[in-house]
Amino acid sequence: SAFFGLLITMAVGAILGGLLAAAG
């Protein structure tokens, strides 16, 4: 469960980081 939580953490971070970069 923790590993899948890590995958979600990385996915959300990548998506939000991409949105921030796109906005910039």
PDBML (XML) file of the C-alpha atoms, coordinates in Angstrom:
<?xml version="1.0" encoding="UTF-8" ?>
<PDBx:datablock datablockName="MODEL"
   xmlns:PDBx="http://pdbml.pdb.org/schema/pdbx-v50.xsd"
   xmlns:xsi="http://www.w3.org/2001/XMLSchema-instance"
   xsi:schemaLocation="http://pdbml.pdb.org/schema/pdbx-v50.xsd pdbx-v50.xsd">
   <PDBx:atom_siteCategory>
      <PDBx:atom_site id="1">
         <PDBx:B_iso_or_equiv>0.00</PDBx:B_iso_or_equiv>
         <PDBx:Cartn_x>0.000</PDBx:Cartn_x>
         <PDBx:Cartn_y>0.000</PDBx:Cartn_y>
         <PDBx:Cartn_z>0.000</PDBx:Cartn_z>
         <PDBx:auth_asym_id>A</PDBx:auth_asym_id>
         <PDBx:auth_atom_id>CA</PDBx:auth_atom_id>
         <PDBx:auth_comp_id>SER</PDBx:auth_comp_id>
         <PDBx:auth_seq_id>1</PDBx:auth_seq_id>
         <PDBx:group_PDB>ATOM</PDBx:group_PDB>
         <PDBx:label_alt_id xsi:nil="true" />
         <PDBx:label_asym_id>A</PDBx:label_asym_id>
         <PDBx:label_atom_id>CA</PDBx:label_atom_id>
         <PDBx:label_comp_id>SER</PDBx:label_comp_id>
         <PDBx:label_entity_id>1</PDBx:label_entity_id>
         <PDBx:label_seq_id>1</PDBx:label_seq_id>
         <PDBx:occupancy>1.00</PDBx:occupancy>
         <PDBx:pdbx_PDB_model_num>1</PDBx:pdbx_PDB_model_num>
         <PDBx:type_symbol>C</PDBx:type_symbol>
      </PDBx:atom_site>
      <PDBx:atom_site id="2">
         <PDBx:B_iso_or_equiv>0.00</PDBx:B_iso_or_equiv>
         <PDBx:Cartn_x>2.826</PDBx:Cartn_x>
         <PDBx:Cartn_y>2.377</PDBx:Cartn_y>
         <PDBx:Cartn_z>0.869</PDBx:Cartn_z>
         <PDBx:auth_asym_id>A</PDBx:auth_asym_id>
         <PDBx:auth_atom_id>CA</PDBx:auth_atom_id>
         <PDBx:auth_comp_id>ALA</PDBx:auth_comp_id>
         <PDBx:auth_seq_id>2</PDBx:auth_seq_id>
         <PDBx:group_PDB>ATOM</PDBx:group_PDB>
         <PDBx:label_alt_id xsi:nil="true" />
         <PDBx:label_asym_id>A</PDBx:label_asym_id>
         <PDBx:label_atom_id>CA</PDBx:label_atom_id>
         <PDBx:label_comp_id>ALA</PDBx:label_comp_id>
         <PDBx:label_entity_id>1</PDBx:label_entity_id>
         <PDBx:label_seq_id>2</PDBx:label_seq_id>
         <PDBx:occupancy>1.00</PDBx:occupancy>
         <PDBx:pdbx_PDB_model_num>1</PDBx:pdbx_PDB_model_num>
         <PDBx:type_symbol>C</PDBx:type_symbol>
      </PDBx:atom_site>
      <PDBx:atom_site id="3">
         <PDBx:B_iso_or_equiv>0.00</PDBx:B_iso_or_equiv>
         <PDBx:Cartn_x>4.556</PDBx:Cartn_x>
         <PDBx:Cartn_y>1.655</PDBx:Cartn_y>
         <PDBx:Cartn_z>-2.442</PDBx:Cartn_z>
         <PDBx:auth_asym_id>A</PDBx:auth_asym_id>
         <PDBx:auth_atom_id>CA</PDBx:auth_atom_id>
         <PDBx:auth_comp_id>PHE</PDBx:auth_comp_id>
         <PDBx:auth_seq_id>3</PDBx:auth_seq_id>
         <PDBx:group_PDB>ATOM</PDBx:group_PDB>
         <PDBx:label_alt_id xsi:nil="true" />
         <PDBx:label_asym_id>A</PDBx:label_asym_id>
         <PDBx:label_atom_id>CA</PDBx:label_atom_id>
         <PDBx:label_comp_id>PHE</PDBx:label_comp_id>
         <PDBx:label_entity_id>1</PDBx:label_entity_id>
         <PDBx:label_seq_id>3</PDBx:label_seq_id>
         <PDBx:occupancy>1.00</PDBx:occupancy>
         <PDBx:pdbx_PDB_model_num>1</PDBx:pdbx_PDB_model_num>
         <PDBx:type_symbol>C</PDBx:type_symbol>
      </PDBx:atom_site>
      <PDBx:atom_site id="4">
         <PDBx:B_iso_or_equiv>0.00</PDBx:B_iso_or_equiv>
         <PDBx:Cartn_x>1.413</PDBx:Cartn_x>
         <PDBx:Cartn_y>2.463</PDBx:Cartn_y>
         <PDBx:Cartn_z>-4.398</PDBx:Cartn_z>
         <PDBx:auth_asym_id>A</PDBx:auth_asym_id>
         <PDBx:auth_atom_id>CA</PDBx:auth_atom_id>
         <PDBx:auth_comp_id>PHE</PDBx:auth_comp_id>
         <PDBx:auth_seq_id>4</PDBx:auth_seq_id>
         <PDBx:group_PDB>ATOM</PDBx:group_PDB>
         <PDBx:label_alt_id xsi:nil="true" />
         <PDBx:label_asym_id>A</PDBx:label_asym_id>
         <PDBx:label_atom_id>CA</PDBx:label_atom_id>
         <PDBx:label_comp_id>PHE</PDBx:label_comp_id>
         <PDBx:label_entity_id>1</PDBx:label_entity_id>
         <PDBx:label_seq_id>4</PDBx:label_seq_id>
         <PDBx:occupancy>1.00</PDBx:occupancy>
         <PDBx:pdbx_PDB_model_num>1</PDBx:pdbx_PDB_model_num>
         <PDBx:type_symbol>C</PDBx:type_symbol>
      </PDBx:atom_site>
      <PDBx:atom_site id="5">
         <PDBx:B_iso_or_equiv>0.00</PDBx:B_iso_or_equiv>
         <PDBx:Cartn_x>1.083</PDBx:Cartn_x>
         <PDBx:Cartn_y>5.578</PDBx:Cartn_y>
         <PDBx:Cartn_z>-2.270</PDBx:Cartn_z>
         <PDBx:auth_asym_id>A</PDBx:auth_asym_id>
         <PDBx:auth_atom_id>CA</PDBx:auth_atom_id>
         <PDBx:auth_comp_id>GLY</PDBx:auth_comp_id>
         <PDBx:auth_seq_id>5</PDBx:auth_seq_id>
         <PDBx:group_PDB>ATOM</PDBx:group_PDB>
         <PDBx:label_alt_id xsi:nil="true" />
         <PDBx:label_asym_id>A</PDBx:label_asym_id>
         <PDBx:label_atom_id>CA</PDBx:label_atom_id>
         <PDBx:label_comp_id>GLY</PDBx:label_comp_id>
         <PDBx:label_entity_id>1</PDBx:label_entity_id>
         <PDBx:label_seq_id>5</PDBx:label_seq_id>
         <PDBx:occupancy>1.00</PDBx:occupancy>
         <PDBx:pdbx_PDB_model_num>1</PDBx:pdbx_PDB_model_num>
         <PDBx:type_symbol>C</PDBx:type_symbol>
      </PDBx:atom_site>
      <PDBx:atom_site id="6">
         <PDBx:B_iso_or_equiv>0.00</PDBx:B_iso_or_equiv>
         <PDBx:Cartn_x>4.600</PDBx:Cartn_x>
         <PDBx:Cartn_y>6.521</PDBx:Cartn_y>
         <PDBx:Cartn_z>-3.366</PDBx:Cartn_z>
         <PDBx:auth_asym_id>A</PDBx:auth_asym_id>
         <PDBx:auth_atom_id>CA</PDBx:auth_atom_id>
         <PDBx:auth_comp_id>LEU</PDBx:auth_comp_id>
         <PDBx:auth_seq_id>6</PDBx:auth_seq_id>
         <PDBx:group_PDB>ATOM</PDBx:group_PDB>
         <PDBx:label_alt_id xsi:nil="true" />
         <PDBx:label_asym_id>A</PDBx:label_asym_id>
         <PDBx:label_atom_id>CA</PDBx:label_atom_id>
         <PDBx:label_comp_id>LEU</PDBx:label_comp_id>
         <PDBx:label_entity_id>1</PDBx:label_entity_id>
         <PDBx:label_seq_id>6</PDBx:label_seq_id>
         <PDBx:occupancy>1.00</PDBx:occupancy>
         <PDBx:pdbx_PDB_model_num>1</PDBx:pdbx_PDB_model_num>
         <PDBx:type_symbol>C</PDBx:type_symbol>
      </PDBx:atom_site>
      <PDBx:atom_site id="7">
         <PDBx:B_iso_or_equiv>0.00</PDBx:B_iso_or_equiv>
         <PDBx:Cartn_x>3.629</PDBx:Cartn_x>
         <PDBx:Cartn_y>6.030</PDBx:Cartn_y>
         <PDBx:Cartn_z>-7.019</PDBx:Cartn_z>
         <PDBx:auth_asym_id>A</PDBx:auth_asym_id>
         <PDBx:auth_atom_id>CA</PDBx:auth_atom_id>
         <PDBx:auth_comp_id>LEU</PDBx:auth_comp_id>
         <PDBx:auth_seq_id>7</PDBx:auth_seq_id>
         <PDBx:group_PDB>ATOM</PDBx:group_PDB>
         <PDBx:label_alt_id xsi:nil="true" />
         <PDBx:label_asym_id>A</PDBx:label_asym_id>
         <PDBx:label_atom_id>CA</PDBx:label_atom_id>
         <PDBx:label_comp_id>LEU</PDBx:label_comp_id>
         <PDBx:label_entity_id>1</PDBx:label_entity_id>
         <PDBx:label_seq_id>7</PDBx:label_seq_id>
         <PDBx:occupancy>1.00</PDBx:occupancy>
         <PDBx:pdbx_PDB_model_num>1</PDBx:pdbx_PDB_model_num>
         <PDBx:type_symbol>C</PDBx:type_symbol>
      </PDBx:atom_site>
      <PDBx:atom_site id="8">
         <PDBx:B_iso_or_equiv>0.00</PDBx:B_iso_or_equiv>
         <PDBx:Cartn_x>0.666</PDBx:Cartn_x>
         <PDBx:Cartn_y>8.376</PDBx:Cartn_y>
         <PDBx:Cartn_z>-6.524</PDBx:Cartn_z>
         <PDBx:auth_asym_id>A</PDBx:auth_asym_id>
         <PDBx:auth_atom_id>CA</PDBx:auth_atom_id>
         <PDBx:auth_comp_id>ILE</PDBx:auth_comp_id>
         <PDBx:auth_seq_id>8</PDBx:auth_seq_id>
         <PDBx:group_PDB>ATOM</PDBx:group_PDB>
         <PDBx:label_alt_id xsi:nil="true" />
         <PDBx:label_asym_id>A</PDBx:label_asym_id>
         <PDBx:label_atom_id>CA</PDBx:label_atom_id>
         <PDBx:label_comp_id>ILE</PDBx:label_comp_id>
         <PDBx:label_entity_id>1</PDBx:label_entity_id>
         <PDBx:label_seq_id>8</PDBx:label_seq_id>
         <PDBx:occupancy>1.00</PDBx:occupancy>
         <PDBx:pdbx_PDB_model_num>1</PDBx:pdbx_PDB_model_num>
         <PDBx:type_symbol>C</PDBx:type_symbol>
      </PDBx:atom_site>
      <PDBx:atom_site id="9">
         <PDBx:B_iso_or_equiv>0.00</PDBx:B_iso_or_equiv>
         <PDBx:Cartn_x>2.952</PDBx:Cartn_x>
         <PDBx:Cartn_y>10.881</PDBx:Cartn_y>
         <PDBx:Cartn_z>-4.791</PDBx:Cartn_z>
         <PDBx:auth_asym_id>A</PDBx:auth_asym_id>
         <PDBx:auth_atom_id>CA</PDBx:auth_atom_id>
         <PDBx:auth_comp_id>THR</PDBx:auth_comp_id>
         <PDBx:auth_seq_id>9</PDBx:auth_seq_id>
         <PDBx:group_PDB>ATOM</PDBx:group_PDB>
         <PDBx:label_alt_id xsi:nil="true" />
         <PDBx:label_asym_id>A</PDBx:label_asym_id>
         <PDBx:label_atom_id>CA</PDBx:label_atom_id>
         <PDBx:label_comp_id>THR</PDBx:label_comp_id>
         <PDBx:label_entity_id>1</PDBx:label_entity_id>
         <PDBx:label_seq_id>9</PDBx:label_seq_id>
         <PDBx:occupancy>1.00</PDBx:occupancy>
         <PDBx:pdbx_PDB_model_num>1</PDBx:pdbx_PDB_model_num>
         <PDBx:type_symbol>C</PDBx:type_symbol>
      </PDBx:atom_site>
      <PDBx:atom_site id="10">
         <PDBx:B_iso_or_equiv>0.00</PDBx:B_iso_or_equiv>
         <PDBx:Cartn_x>5.311</PDBx:Cartn_x>
         <PDBx:Cartn_y>10.855</PDBx:Cartn_y>
         <PDBx:Cartn_z>-7.760</PDBx:Cartn_z>
         <PDBx:auth_asym_id>A</PDBx:auth_asym_id>
         <PDBx:auth_atom_id>CA</PDBx:auth_atom_id>
         <PDBx:auth_comp_id>MET</PDBx:auth_comp_id>
         <PDBx:auth_seq_id>10</PDBx:auth_seq_id>
         <PDBx:group_PDB>ATOM</PDBx:group_PDB>
         <PDBx:label_alt_id xsi:nil="true" />
         <PDBx:label_asym_id>A</PDBx:label_asym_id>
         <PDBx:label_atom_id>CA</PDBx:label_atom_id>
         <PDBx:label_comp_id>MET</PDBx:label_comp_id>
         <PDBx:label_entity_id>1</PDBx:label_entity_id>
         <PDBx:label_seq_id>10</PDBx:label_seq_id>
         <PDBx:occupancy>1.00</PDBx:occupancy>
         <PDBx:pdbx_PDB_model_num>1</PDBx:pdbx_PDB_model_num>
         <PDBx:type_symbol>C</PDBx:type_symbol>
      </PDBx:atom_site>
      <PDBx:atom_site id="11">
         <PDBx:B_iso_or_equiv>0.00</PDBx:B_iso_or_equiv>
         <PDBx:Cartn_x>2.475</PDBx:Cartn_x>
         <PDBx:Cartn_y>11.050</PDBx:Cartn_y>
         <PDBx:Cartn_z>-10.299</PDBx:Cartn_z>
         <PDBx:auth_asym_id>A</PDBx:auth_asym_id>
         <PDBx:auth_atom_id>CA</PDBx:auth_atom_id>
         <PDBx:auth_comp_id>ALA</PDBx:auth_comp_id>
         <PDBx:auth_seq_id>11</PDBx:auth_seq_id>
         <PDBx:group_PDB>ATOM</PDBx:group_PDB>
         <PDBx:label_alt_id xsi:nil="true" />
         <PDBx:label_asym_id>A</PDBx:label_asym_id>
         <PDBx:label_atom_id>CA</PDBx:label_atom_id>
         <PDBx:label_comp_id>ALA</PDBx:label_comp_id>
         <PDBx:label_entity_id>1</PDBx:label_entity_id>
         <PDBx:label_seq_id>11</PDBx:label_seq_id>
         <PDBx:occupancy>1.00</PDBx:occupancy>
         <PDBx:pdbx_PDB_model_num>1</PDBx:pdbx_PDB_model_num>
         <PDBx:type_symbol>C</PDBx:type_symbol>
      </PDBx:atom_site>
      <PDBx:atom_site id="12">
         <PDBx:B_iso_or_equiv>0.00</PDBx:B_iso_or_equiv>
         <PDBx:Cartn_x>0.750</PDBx:Cartn_x>
         <PDBx:Cartn_y>13.984</PDBx:Cartn_y>
         <PDBx:Cartn_z>-8.584</PDBx:Cartn_z>
         <PDBx:auth_asym_id>A</PDBx:auth_asym_id>
         <PDBx:auth_atom_id>CA</PDBx:auth_atom_id>
         <PDBx:auth_comp_id>VAL</PDBx:auth_comp_id>
         <PDBx:auth_seq_id>12</PDBx:auth_seq_id>
         <PDBx:group_PDB>ATOM</PDBx:group_PDB>
         <PDBx:label_alt_id xsi:nil="true" />
         <PDBx:label_asym_id>A</PDBx:label_asym_id>
         <PDBx:label_atom_id>CA</PDBx:label_atom_id>
         <PDBx:label_comp_id>VAL</PDBx:label_comp_id>
         <PDBx:label_entity_id>1</PDBx:label_entity_id>
         <PDBx:label_seq_id>12</PDBx:label_seq_id>
         <PDBx:occupancy>1.00</PDBx:occupancy>
         <PDBx:pdbx_PDB_model_num>1</PDBx:pdbx_PDB_model_num>
         <PDBx:type_symbol>C</PDBx:type_symbol>
      </PDBx:atom_site>
      <PDBx:atom_site id="13">
         <PDBx:B_iso_or_equiv>0.00</PDBx:B_iso_or_equiv>
         <PDBx:Cartn_x>4.094</PDBx:Cartn_x>
         <PDBx:Cartn_y>15.773</PDBx:Cartn_y>
         <PDBx:Cartn_z>-8.202</PDBx:Cartn_z>
         <PDBx:auth_asym_id>A</PDBx:auth_asym_id>
         <PDBx:auth_atom_id>CA</PDBx:auth_atom_id>
         <PDBx:auth_comp_id>GLY</PDBx:auth_comp_id>
         <PDBx:auth_seq_id>13</PDBx:auth_seq_id>
         <PDBx:group_PDB>ATOM</PDBx:group_PDB>
         <PDBx:label_alt_id xsi:nil="true" />
         <PDBx:label_asym_id>A</PDBx:label_asym_id>
         <PDBx:label_atom_id>CA</PDBx:label_atom_id>
         <PDBx:label_comp_id>GLY</PDBx:label_comp_id>
         <PDBx:label_entity_id>1</PDBx:label_entity_id>
         <PDBx:label_seq_id>13</PDBx:label_seq_id>
         <PDBx:occupancy>1.00</PDBx:occupancy>
         <PDBx:pdbx_PDB_model_num>1</PDBx:pdbx_PDB_model_num>
         <PDBx:type_symbol>C</PDBx:type_symbol>
      </PDBx:atom_site>
      <PDBx:atom_site id="14">
         <PDBx:B_iso_or_equiv>0.00</PDBx:B_iso_or_equiv>
         <PDBx:Cartn_x>4.902</PDBx:Cartn_x>
         <PDBx:Cartn_y>15.251</PDBx:Cartn_y>
         <PDBx:Cartn_z>-11.888</PDBx:Cartn_z>
         <PDBx:auth_asym_id>A</PDBx:auth_asym_id>
         <PDBx:auth_atom_id>CA</PDBx:auth_atom_id>
         <PDBx:auth_comp_id>ALA</PDBx:auth_comp_id>
         <PDBx:auth_seq_id>14</PDBx:auth_seq_id>
         <PDBx:group_PDB>ATOM</PDBx:group_PDB>
         <PDBx:label_alt_id xsi:nil="true" />
         <PDBx:label_asym_id>A</PDBx:label_asym_id>
         <PDBx:label_atom_id>CA</PDBx:label_atom_id>
         <PDBx:label_comp_id>ALA</PDBx:label_comp_id>
         <PDBx:label_entity_id>1</PDBx:label_entity_id>
         <PDBx:label_seq_id>14</PDBx:label_seq_id>
         <PDBx:occupancy>1.00</PDBx:occupancy>
         <PDBx:pdbx_PDB_model_num>1</PDBx:pdbx_PDB_model_num>
         <PDBx:type_symbol>C</PDBx:type_symbol>
      </PDBx:atom_site>
      <PDBx:atom_site id="15">
         <PDBx:B_iso_or_equiv>0.00</PDBx:B_iso_or_equiv>
         <PDBx:Cartn_x>1.463</PDBx:Cartn_x>
         <PDBx:Cartn_y>16.422</PDBx:Cartn_y>
         <PDBx:Cartn_z>-13.049</PDBx:Cartn_z>
         <PDBx:auth_asym_id>A</PDBx:auth_asym_id>
         <PDBx:auth_atom_id>CA</PDBx:auth_atom_id>
         <PDBx:auth_comp_id>ILE</PDBx:auth_comp_id>
         <PDBx:auth_seq_id>15</PDBx:auth_seq_id>
         <PDBx:group_PDB>ATOM</PDBx:group_PDB>
         <PDBx:label_alt_id xsi:nil="true" />
         <PDBx:label_asym_id>A</PDBx:label_asym_id>
         <PDBx:label_atom_id>CA</PDBx:label_atom_id>
         <PDBx:label_comp_id>ILE</PDBx:label_comp_id>
         <PDBx:label_entity_id>1</PDBx:label_entity_id>
         <PDBx:label_seq_id>15</PDBx:label_seq_id>
         <PDBx:occupancy>1.00</PDBx:occupancy>
         <PDBx:pdbx_PDB_model_num>1</PDBx:pdbx_PDB_model_num>
         <PDBx:type_symbol>C</PDBx:type_symbol>
      </PDBx:atom_site>
      <PDBx:atom_site id="16">
         <PDBx:B_iso_or_equiv>0.00</PDBx:B_iso_or_equiv>
         <PDBx:Cartn_x>1.423</PDBx:Cartn_x>
         <PDBx:Cartn_y>19.539</PDBx:Cartn_y>
         <PDBx:Cartn_z>-10.864</PDBx:Cartn_z>
         <PDBx:auth_asym_id>A</PDBx:auth_asym_id>
         <PDBx:auth_atom_id>CA</PDBx:auth_atom_id>
         <PDBx:auth_comp_id>LEU</PDBx:auth_comp_id>
         <PDBx:auth_seq_id>16</PDBx:auth_seq_id>
         <PDBx:group_PDB>ATOM</PDBx:group_PDB>
         <PDBx:label_alt_id xsi:nil="true" />
         <PDBx:label_asym_id>A</PDBx:label_asym_id>
         <PDBx:label_atom_id>CA</PDBx:label_atom_id>
         <PDBx:label_comp_id>LEU</PDBx:label_comp_id>
         <PDBx:label_entity_id>1</PDBx:label_entity_id>
         <PDBx:label_seq_id>16</PDBx:label_seq_id>
         <PDBx:occupancy>1.00</PDBx:occupancy>
         <PDBx:pdbx_PDB_model_num>1</PDBx:pdbx_PDB_model_num>
         <PDBx:type_symbol>C</PDBx:type_symbol>
      </PDBx:atom_site>
      <PDBx:atom_site id="17">
         <PDBx:B_iso_or_equiv>0.00</PDBx:B_iso_or_equiv>
         <PDBx:Cartn_x>5.062</PDBx:Cartn_x>
         <PDBx:Cartn_y>20.292</PDBx:Cartn_y>
         <PDBx:Cartn_z>-11.721</PDBx:Cartn_z>
         <PDBx:auth_asym_id>A</PDBx:auth_asym_id>
         <PDBx:auth_atom_id>CA</PDBx:auth_atom_id>
         <PDBx:auth_comp_id>GLY</PDBx:auth_comp_id>
         <PDBx:auth_seq_id>17</PDBx:auth_seq_id>
         <PDBx:group_PDB>ATOM</PDBx:group_PDB>
         <PDBx:label_alt_id xsi:nil="true" />
         <PDBx:label_asym_id>A</PDBx:label_asym_id>
         <PDBx:label_atom_id>CA</PDBx:label_atom_id>
         <PDBx:label_comp_id>GLY</PDBx:label_comp_id>
         <PDBx:label_entity_id>1</PDBx:label_entity_id>
         <PDBx:label_seq_id>17</PDBx:label_seq_id>
         <PDBx:occupancy>1.00</PDBx:occupancy>
         <PDBx:pdbx_PDB_model_num>1</PDBx:pdbx_PDB_model_num>
         <PDBx:type_symbol>C</PDBx:type_symbol>
      </PDBx:atom_site>
      <PDBx:atom_site id="18">
         <PDBx:B_iso_or_equiv>0.00</PDBx:B_iso_or_equiv>
         <PDBx:Cartn_x>4.223</PDBx:Cartn_x>
         <PDBx:Cartn_y>20.007</PDBx:Cartn_y>
         <PDBx:Cartn_z>-15.409</PDBx:Cartn_z>
         <PDBx:auth_asym_id>A</PDBx:auth_asym_id>
         <PDBx:auth_atom_id>CA</PDBx:auth_atom_id>
         <PDBx:auth_comp_id>GLY</PDBx:auth_comp_id>
         <PDBx:auth_seq_id>18</PDBx:auth_seq_id>
         <PDBx:group_PDB>ATOM</PDBx:group_PDB>
         <PDBx:label_alt_id xsi:nil="true" />
         <PDBx:label_asym_id>A</PDBx:label_asym_id>
         <PDBx:label_atom_id>CA</PDBx:label_atom_id>
         <PDBx:label_comp_id>GLY</PDBx:label_comp_id>
         <PDBx:label_entity_id>1</PDBx:label_entity_id>
         <PDBx:label_seq_id>18</PDBx:label_seq_id>
         <PDBx:occupancy>1.00</PDBx:occupancy>
         <PDBx:pdbx_PDB_model_num>1</PDBx:pdbx_PDB_model_num>
         <PDBx:type_symbol>C</PDBx:type_symbol>
      </PDBx:atom_site>
      <PDBx:atom_site id="19">
         <PDBx:B_iso_or_equiv>0.00</PDBx:B_iso_or_equiv>
         <PDBx:Cartn_x>1.267</PDBx:Cartn_x>
         <PDBx:Cartn_y>22.364</PDBx:Cartn_y>
         <PDBx:Cartn_z>-14.986</PDBx:Cartn_z>
         <PDBx:auth_asym_id>A</PDBx:auth_asym_id>
         <PDBx:auth_atom_id>CA</PDBx:auth_atom_id>
         <PDBx:auth_comp_id>LEU</PDBx:auth_comp_id>
         <PDBx:auth_seq_id>19</PDBx:auth_seq_id>
         <PDBx:group_PDB>ATOM</PDBx:group_PDB>
         <PDBx:label_alt_id xsi:nil="true" />
         <PDBx:label_asym_id>A</PDBx:label_asym_id>
         <PDBx:label_atom_id>CA</PDBx:label_atom_id>
         <PDBx:label_comp_id>LEU</PDBx:label_comp_id>
         <PDBx:label_entity_id>1</PDBx:label_entity_id>
         <PDBx:label_seq_id>19</PDBx:label_seq_id>
         <PDBx:occupancy>1.00</PDBx:occupancy>
         <PDBx:pdbx_PDB_model_num>1</PDBx:pdbx_PDB_model_num>
         <PDBx:type_symbol>C</PDBx:type_symbol>
      </PDBx:atom_site>
      <PDBx:atom_site id="20">
         <PDBx:B_iso_or_equiv>0.00</PDBx:B_iso_or_equiv>
         <PDBx:Cartn_x>3.494</PDBx:Cartn_x>
         <PDBx:Cartn_y>24.858</PDBx:Cartn_y>
         <PDBx:Cartn_z>-13.163</PDBx:Cartn_z>
         <PDBx:auth_asym_id>A</PDBx:auth_asym_id>
         <PDBx:auth_atom_id>CA</PDBx:auth_atom_id>
         <PDBx:auth_comp_id>LEU</PDBx:auth_comp_id>
         <PDBx:auth_seq_id>20</PDBx:auth_seq_id>
         <PDBx:group_PDB>ATOM</PDBx:group_PDB>
         <PDBx:label_alt_id xsi:nil="true" />
         <PDBx:label_asym_id>A</PDBx:label_asym_id>
         <PDBx:label_atom_id>CA</PDBx:label_atom_id>
         <PDBx:label_comp_id>LEU</PDBx:label_comp_id>
         <PDBx:label_entity_id>1</PDBx:label_entity_id>
         <PDBx:label_seq_id>20</PDBx:label_seq_id>
         <PDBx:occupancy>1.00</PDBx:occupancy>
         <PDBx:pdbx_PDB_model_num>1</PDBx:pdbx_PDB_model_num>
         <PDBx:type_symbol>C</PDBx:type_symbol>
      </PDBx:atom_site>
      <PDBx:atom_site id="21">
         <PDBx:B_iso_or_equiv>0.00</PDBx:B_iso_or_equiv>
         <PDBx:Cartn_x>6.106</PDBx:Cartn_x>
         <PDBx:Cartn_y>24.662</PDBx:Cartn_y>
         <PDBx:Cartn_z>-15.912</PDBx:Cartn_z>
         <PDBx:auth_asym_id>A</PDBx:auth_asym_id>
         <PDBx:auth_atom_id>CA</PDBx:auth_atom_id>
         <PDBx:auth_comp_id>ALA</PDBx:auth_comp_id>
         <PDBx:auth_seq_id>21</PDBx:auth_seq_id>
         <PDBx:group_PDB>ATOM</PDBx:group_PDB>
         <PDBx:label_alt_id xsi:nil="true" />
         <PDBx:label_asym_id>A</PDBx:label_asym_id>
         <PDBx:label_atom_id>CA</PDBx:label_atom_id>
         <PDBx:label_comp_id>ALA</PDBx:label_comp_id>
         <PDBx:label_entity_id>1</PDBx:label_entity_id>
         <PDBx:label_seq_id>21</PDBx:label_seq_id>
         <PDBx:occupancy>1.00</PDBx:occupancy>
         <PDBx:pdbx_PDB_model_num>1</PDBx:pdbx_PDB_model_num>
         <PDBx:type_symbol>C</PDBx:type_symbol>
      </PDBx:atom_site>
      <PDBx:atom_site id="22">
         <PDBx:B_iso_or_equiv>0.00</PDBx:B_iso_or_equiv>
         <PDBx:Cartn_x>3.441</PDBx:Cartn_x>
         <PDBx:Cartn_y>25.061</PDBx:Cartn_y>
         <PDBx:Cartn_z>-18.598</PDBx:Cartn_z>
         <PDBx:auth_asym_id>A</PDBx:auth_asym_id>
         <PDBx:auth_atom_id>CA</PDBx:auth_atom_id>
         <PDBx:auth_comp_id>ALA</PDBx:auth_comp_id>
         <PDBx:auth_seq_id>22</PDBx:auth_seq_id>
         <PDBx:group_PDB>ATOM</PDBx:group_PDB>
         <PDBx:label_alt_id xsi:nil="true" />
         <PDBx:label_asym_id>A</PDBx:label_asym_id>
         <PDBx:label_atom_id>CA</PDBx:label_atom_id>
         <PDBx:label_comp_id>ALA</PDBx:label_comp_id>
         <PDBx:label_entity_id>1</PDBx:label_entity_id>
         <PDBx:label_seq_id>22</PDBx:label_seq_id>
         <PDBx:occupancy>1.00</PDBx:occupancy>
         <PDBx:pdbx_PDB_model_num>1</PDBx:pdbx_PDB_model_num>
         <PDBx:type_symbol>C</PDBx:type_symbol>
      </PDBx:atom_site>
      <PDBx:atom_site id="23">
         <PDBx:B_iso_or_equiv>0.00</PDBx:B_iso_or_equiv>
         <PDBx:Cartn_x>2.001</PDBx:Cartn_x>
         <PDBx:Cartn_y>28.112</PDBx:Cartn_y>
         <PDBx:Cartn_z>-16.826</PDBx:Cartn_z>
         <PDBx:auth_asym_id>A</PDBx:auth_asym_id>
         <PDBx:auth_atom_id>CA</PDBx:auth_atom_id>
         <PDBx:auth_comp_id>ALA</PDBx:auth_comp_id>
         <PDBx:auth_seq_id>23</PDBx:auth_seq_id>
         <PDBx:group_PDB>ATOM</PDBx:group_PDB>
         <PDBx:label_alt_id xsi:nil="true" />
         <PDBx:label_asym_id>A</PDBx:label_asym_id>
         <PDBx:label_atom_id>CA</PDBx:label_atom_id>
         <PDBx:label_comp_id>ALA</PDBx:label_comp_id>
         <PDBx:label_entity_id>1</PDBx:label_entity_id>
         <PDBx:label_seq_id>23</PDBx:label_seq_id>
         <PDBx:occupancy>1.00</PDBx:occupancy>
         <PDBx:pdbx_PDB_model_num>1</PDBx:pdbx_PDB_model_num>
         <PDBx:type_symbol>C</PDBx:type_symbol>
      </PDBx:atom_site>
      <PDBx:atom_site id="24">
         <PDBx:B_iso_or_equiv>0.00</PDBx:B_iso_or_equiv>
         <PDBx:Cartn_x>5.474</PDBx:Cartn_x>
         <PDBx:Cartn_y>29.643</PDBx:Cartn_y>
         <PDBx:Cartn_z>-16.573</PDBx:Cartn_z>
         <PDBx:auth_asym_id>A</PDBx:auth_asym_id>
         <PDBx:auth_atom_id>CA</PDBx:auth_atom_id>
         <PDBx:auth_comp_id>GLY</PDBx:auth_comp_id>
         <PDBx:auth_seq_id>24</PDBx:auth_seq_id>
         <PDBx:group_PDB>ATOM</PDBx:group_PDB>
         <PDBx:label_alt_id xsi:nil="true" />
         <PDBx:label_asym_id>A</PDBx:label_asym_id>
         <PDBx:label_atom_id>CA</PDBx:label_atom_id>
         <PDBx:label_comp_id>GLY</PDBx:label_comp_id>
         <PDBx:label_entity_id>1</PDBx:label_entity_id>
         <PDBx:label_seq_id>24</PDBx:label_seq_id>
         <PDBx:occupancy>1.00</PDBx:occupancy>
         <PDBx:pdbx_PDB_model_num>1</PDBx:pdbx_PDB_model_num>
         <PDBx:type_symbol>C</PDBx:type_symbol>
      </PDBx:atom_site>
   </PDBx:atom_siteCategory>
</PDBx:datablock>
